[in-house]
N, C-alpha and C. Protein backbone atom coordinates (compact mmCIF):
# COMPACT_ATOMS: atom_id res chain seq x y z
N MET A 1 0.84 -1.18 0.00
CA MET A 1 0.00 0.00 0.00
C MET A 1 0.89 1.25 0.00
N ARG A 2 0.46 2.22 -0.77
CA ARG A 2 1.17 3.49 -0.80
C ARG A 2 0.23 4.57 -0.28
N THR A 3 0.78 5.51 0.46
CA THR A 3 0.01 6.64 0.95
C THR A 3 0.68 7.92 0.47
N ILE A 4 -0.10 8.75 -0.20
CA ILE A 4 0.40 10.02 -0.73
C ILE A 4 -0.38 11.13 -0.06
N LYS A 5 0.34 12.08 0.52
CA LYS A 5 -0.30 13.25 1.11
C LYS A 5 -0.03 14.43 0.19
N TYR A 6 -1.11 15.13 -0.17
CA TYR A 6 -0.98 16.25 -1.10
C TYR A 6 -2.04 17.29 -0.78
N ASN A 7 -1.60 18.51 -0.54
CA ASN A 7 -2.51 19.65 -0.37
C ASN A 7 -3.53 19.39 0.75
N GLY A 8 -3.07 18.73 1.83
CA GLY A 8 -3.95 18.47 2.96
C GLY A 8 -4.87 17.28 2.80
N HIS A 9 -4.71 16.50 1.75
CA HIS A 9 -5.55 15.33 1.49
C HIS A 9 -4.67 14.09 1.39
N THR A 10 -5.28 12.93 1.58
CA THR A 10 -4.55 11.67 1.56
C THR A 10 -5.13 10.75 0.49
N ILE A 11 -4.23 10.20 -0.32
CA ILE A 11 -4.62 9.20 -1.32
C ILE A 11 -3.91 7.91 -0.94
N GLU A 12 -4.69 6.85 -0.75
CA GLU A 12 -4.14 5.54 -0.43
C GLU A 12 -4.36 4.62 -1.62
N ILE A 13 -3.31 3.91 -2.00
CA ILE A 13 -3.37 3.02 -3.15
C ILE A 13 -3.05 1.61 -2.69
N LYS A 14 -4.00 0.71 -2.87
CA LYS A 14 -3.82 -0.69 -2.50
C LYS A 14 -3.82 -1.50 -3.78
N ALA A 15 -2.69 -2.15 -4.06
CA ALA A 15 -2.54 -2.82 -5.36
C ALA A 15 -2.42 -4.33 -5.25
N LEU A 16 -2.67 -4.90 -4.12
CA LEU A 16 -2.61 -6.35 -3.97
C LEU A 16 -4.00 -6.93 -4.11
N GLY A 17 -4.15 -7.90 -5.01
CA GLY A 17 -5.48 -8.46 -5.26
C GLY A 17 -6.33 -7.45 -6.00
N THR A 18 -7.45 -7.10 -5.43
CA THR A 18 -8.30 -6.07 -6.03
C THR A 18 -7.67 -4.71 -5.77
N GLU A 19 -7.45 -3.94 -6.84
CA GLU A 19 -6.88 -2.61 -6.69
C GLU A 19 -7.93 -1.68 -6.10
N LYS A 20 -7.51 -0.86 -5.13
CA LYS A 20 -8.42 0.10 -4.51
C LYS A 20 -7.70 1.44 -4.38
N VAL A 21 -8.46 2.51 -4.58
CA VAL A 21 -7.95 3.86 -4.37
C VAL A 21 -8.88 4.53 -3.37
N LEU A 22 -8.29 5.07 -2.30
CA LEU A 22 -9.06 5.78 -1.29
C LEU A 22 -8.62 7.24 -1.26
N TYR A 23 -9.58 8.12 -1.11
CA TYR A 23 -9.30 9.56 -1.02
C TYR A 23 -9.87 10.02 0.32
N ASP A 24 -8.99 10.49 1.19
CA ASP A 24 -9.37 10.89 2.55
C ASP A 24 -10.18 9.79 3.24
N GLY A 25 -9.74 8.54 3.05
CA GLY A 25 -10.36 7.40 3.72
C GLY A 25 -11.59 6.84 3.05
N ARG A 26 -12.06 7.48 1.98
CA ARG A 26 -13.27 7.03 1.28
C ARG A 26 -12.87 6.35 -0.02
N GLU A 27 -13.39 5.15 -0.26
CA GLU A 27 -13.06 4.44 -1.49
C GLU A 27 -13.68 5.16 -2.69
N VAL A 28 -12.82 5.51 -3.66
CA VAL A 28 -13.28 6.23 -4.84
C VAL A 28 -13.14 5.41 -6.11
N SER A 29 -12.39 4.30 -6.05
CA SER A 29 -12.25 3.44 -7.23
C SER A 29 -11.82 2.05 -6.79
N ARG A 30 -12.31 1.05 -7.53
CA ARG A 30 -11.96 -0.35 -7.27
C ARG A 30 -11.98 -1.08 -8.61
N LYS A 31 -10.91 -1.82 -8.89
CA LYS A 31 -10.85 -2.59 -10.14
C LYS A 31 -10.09 -3.88 -9.90
N ASN A 32 -10.48 -4.91 -10.64
CA ASN A 32 -9.74 -6.16 -10.65
C ASN A 32 -8.83 -6.14 -11.87
N SER A 33 -7.54 -6.33 -11.66
CA SER A 33 -6.60 -6.31 -12.77
C SER A 33 -5.34 -7.06 -12.36
N PHE A 34 -4.80 -7.84 -13.29
CA PHE A 34 -3.55 -8.53 -13.01
C PHE A 34 -2.35 -7.68 -13.38
N PHE A 35 -2.43 -6.96 -14.49
CA PHE A 35 -1.29 -6.18 -14.97
C PHE A 35 -1.38 -4.70 -14.63
N GLY A 36 -2.42 -4.28 -13.94
CA GLY A 36 -2.57 -2.88 -13.57
C GLY A 36 -3.69 -2.22 -14.34
N ALA A 37 -4.14 -1.10 -13.82
CA ALA A 37 -5.28 -0.39 -14.42
C ALA A 37 -5.13 1.10 -14.15
N THR A 38 -6.00 1.86 -14.79
CA THR A 38 -6.05 3.30 -14.57
C THR A 38 -7.35 3.63 -13.85
N HIS A 39 -7.23 4.35 -12.76
CA HIS A 39 -8.37 4.75 -11.95
C HIS A 39 -8.52 6.27 -12.07
N THR A 40 -9.73 6.74 -12.28
CA THR A 40 -9.97 8.18 -12.31
C THR A 40 -11.10 8.50 -11.35
N PHE A 41 -11.00 9.66 -10.72
CA PHE A 41 -12.06 10.13 -9.83
C PHE A 41 -11.97 11.64 -9.70
N ARG A 42 -13.06 12.23 -9.28
CA ARG A 42 -13.13 13.67 -9.06
C ARG A 42 -13.30 13.94 -7.58
N ALA A 43 -12.78 15.08 -7.14
CA ALA A 43 -12.91 15.48 -5.74
C ALA A 43 -13.07 17.00 -5.68
N ARG A 44 -13.65 17.46 -4.59
CA ARG A 44 -13.79 18.90 -4.39
C ARG A 44 -12.74 19.34 -3.38
N GLU A 45 -11.89 20.28 -3.80
CA GLU A 45 -10.84 20.82 -2.94
C GLU A 45 -10.91 22.34 -3.00
N ASP A 46 -11.01 22.96 -1.84
CA ASP A 46 -11.08 24.43 -1.76
C ASP A 46 -12.14 24.98 -2.70
N SER A 47 -13.31 24.40 -2.68
CA SER A 47 -14.47 24.82 -3.49
C SER A 47 -14.26 24.66 -4.99
N LYS A 48 -13.26 23.88 -5.39
CA LYS A 48 -13.00 23.63 -6.81
C LYS A 48 -13.04 22.14 -7.09
N GLN A 49 -13.55 21.79 -8.27
CA GLN A 49 -13.58 20.40 -8.70
C GLN A 49 -12.23 20.05 -9.33
N VAL A 50 -11.60 18.97 -8.88
CA VAL A 50 -10.33 18.52 -9.45
C VAL A 50 -10.48 17.06 -9.89
N GLN A 51 -9.67 16.67 -10.85
CA GLN A 51 -9.70 15.29 -11.34
C GLN A 51 -8.36 14.62 -11.06
N TYR A 52 -8.44 13.42 -10.56
CA TYR A 52 -7.25 12.61 -10.30
C TYR A 52 -7.25 11.41 -11.24
N GLU A 53 -6.04 11.01 -11.61
CA GLU A 53 -5.85 9.79 -12.40
C GLU A 53 -4.74 9.00 -11.72
N VAL A 54 -5.03 7.78 -11.38
CA VAL A 54 -4.06 6.91 -10.70
C VAL A 54 -3.81 5.71 -11.61
N LYS A 55 -2.58 5.56 -12.05
CA LYS A 55 -2.19 4.41 -12.87
C LYS A 55 -1.40 3.46 -12.00
N ILE A 56 -1.74 2.18 -12.10
CA ILE A 56 -1.05 1.14 -11.36
C ILE A 56 -0.57 0.10 -12.37
N GLY A 57 0.67 -0.34 -12.21
CA GLY A 57 1.20 -1.32 -13.15
C GLY A 57 2.22 -2.24 -12.49
N LEU A 58 2.75 -3.15 -13.28
CA LEU A 58 3.77 -4.09 -12.83
C LEU A 58 5.08 -3.80 -13.55
N LYS A 59 6.16 -3.95 -12.83
CA LYS A 59 7.49 -3.76 -13.41
C LYS A 59 8.32 -5.00 -13.07
N TRP A 60 8.99 -5.54 -14.08
CA TRP A 60 9.85 -6.71 -13.88
C TRP A 60 11.21 -6.26 -13.39
N ILE A 61 11.62 -6.77 -12.25
CA ILE A 61 12.96 -6.51 -11.70
C ILE A 61 13.79 -7.74 -12.05
N TRP A 62 14.55 -7.64 -13.15
CA TRP A 62 15.21 -8.83 -13.69
C TRP A 62 16.25 -9.44 -12.77
N TRP A 63 17.01 -8.62 -12.04
CA TRP A 63 18.06 -9.19 -11.19
C TRP A 63 17.47 -9.88 -9.96
N LEU A 64 16.25 -9.53 -9.59
CA LEU A 64 15.58 -10.22 -8.49
C LEU A 64 14.65 -11.32 -8.99
N ARG A 65 14.40 -11.28 -10.32
CA ARG A 65 13.43 -12.20 -10.93
C ARG A 65 12.09 -12.10 -10.22
N TRP A 66 11.63 -10.87 -10.12
CA TRP A 66 10.42 -10.58 -9.37
C TRP A 66 9.71 -9.39 -9.98
N PHE A 67 8.41 -9.34 -9.84
CA PHE A 67 7.63 -8.18 -10.24
C PHE A 67 7.40 -7.28 -9.03
N ARG A 68 7.28 -5.99 -9.28
CA ARG A 68 6.85 -5.07 -8.23
C ARG A 68 5.82 -4.13 -8.83
N THR A 69 4.95 -3.63 -8.01
CA THR A 69 3.95 -2.69 -8.51
C THR A 69 4.52 -1.28 -8.51
N TRP A 70 4.05 -0.48 -9.43
CA TRP A 70 4.39 0.94 -9.48
C TRP A 70 3.08 1.71 -9.59
N CYS A 71 3.15 2.99 -9.27
CA CYS A 71 1.96 3.82 -9.45
C CYS A 71 2.38 5.24 -9.82
N GLU A 72 1.45 5.90 -10.47
CA GLU A 72 1.64 7.29 -10.90
C GLU A 72 0.32 8.01 -10.62
N VAL A 73 0.40 9.15 -9.95
CA VAL A 73 -0.80 9.91 -9.61
C VAL A 73 -0.72 11.28 -10.28
N LYS A 74 -1.79 11.61 -11.00
CA LYS A 74 -1.89 12.92 -11.63
C LYS A 74 -3.08 13.67 -11.04
N ARG A 75 -2.89 14.96 -10.86
CA ARG A 75 -3.97 15.85 -10.40
C ARG A 75 -4.16 16.90 -11.47
N ASN A 76 -5.33 16.94 -12.07
CA ASN A 76 -5.61 17.85 -13.19
C ASN A 76 -4.53 17.75 -14.27
N GLY A 77 -4.09 16.52 -14.56
CA GLY A 77 -3.14 16.27 -15.63
C GLY A 77 -1.68 16.44 -15.27
N GLU A 78 -1.38 16.90 -14.06
CA GLU A 78 0.01 17.13 -13.62
C GLU A 78 0.42 16.03 -12.65
N ILE A 79 1.58 15.42 -12.89
CA ILE A 79 2.07 14.34 -12.02
C ILE A 79 2.41 14.91 -10.65
N ILE A 80 1.82 14.32 -9.61
CA ILE A 80 2.14 14.73 -8.24
C ILE A 80 2.90 13.63 -7.50
N PHE A 81 2.91 12.40 -8.05
CA PHE A 81 3.66 11.30 -7.46
C PHE A 81 3.92 10.24 -8.52
N THR A 82 5.11 9.67 -8.50
CA THR A 82 5.41 8.50 -9.32
C THR A 82 6.55 7.72 -8.68
N ASP A 83 6.46 6.41 -8.76
CA ASP A 83 7.59 5.56 -8.38
C ASP A 83 7.85 4.56 -9.50
N ARG A 84 7.50 5.01 -10.68
CA ARG A 84 7.64 4.20 -11.88
C ARG A 84 9.05 4.00 -12.18
C-alpha cells in the first residue's frame, strides 16, 4: 500500500489483489486487474472540482526475478507522485 499526502488530502493506493484507491479514507475506485489499471475520480478541494488519475502497473525486476507494482498519480493532468 502506498500513501500520498498532497494539499492536505490523503490518497491511499492498495494494489494487492483487487486494486483500490481511497481519497481521505473514502473508497473512490476499485478494479480487478492482473497487470494494472487506470483509476480516475473527481474530488472537491477548496471549493473547486479537481480530477485525479491513478495508474497502477507491474514492473519486472530482472536481477531479483520478481515483479513489483508501481503507481503514478496525476492531479488535473500534472504528475504529483510517481515511483515508476
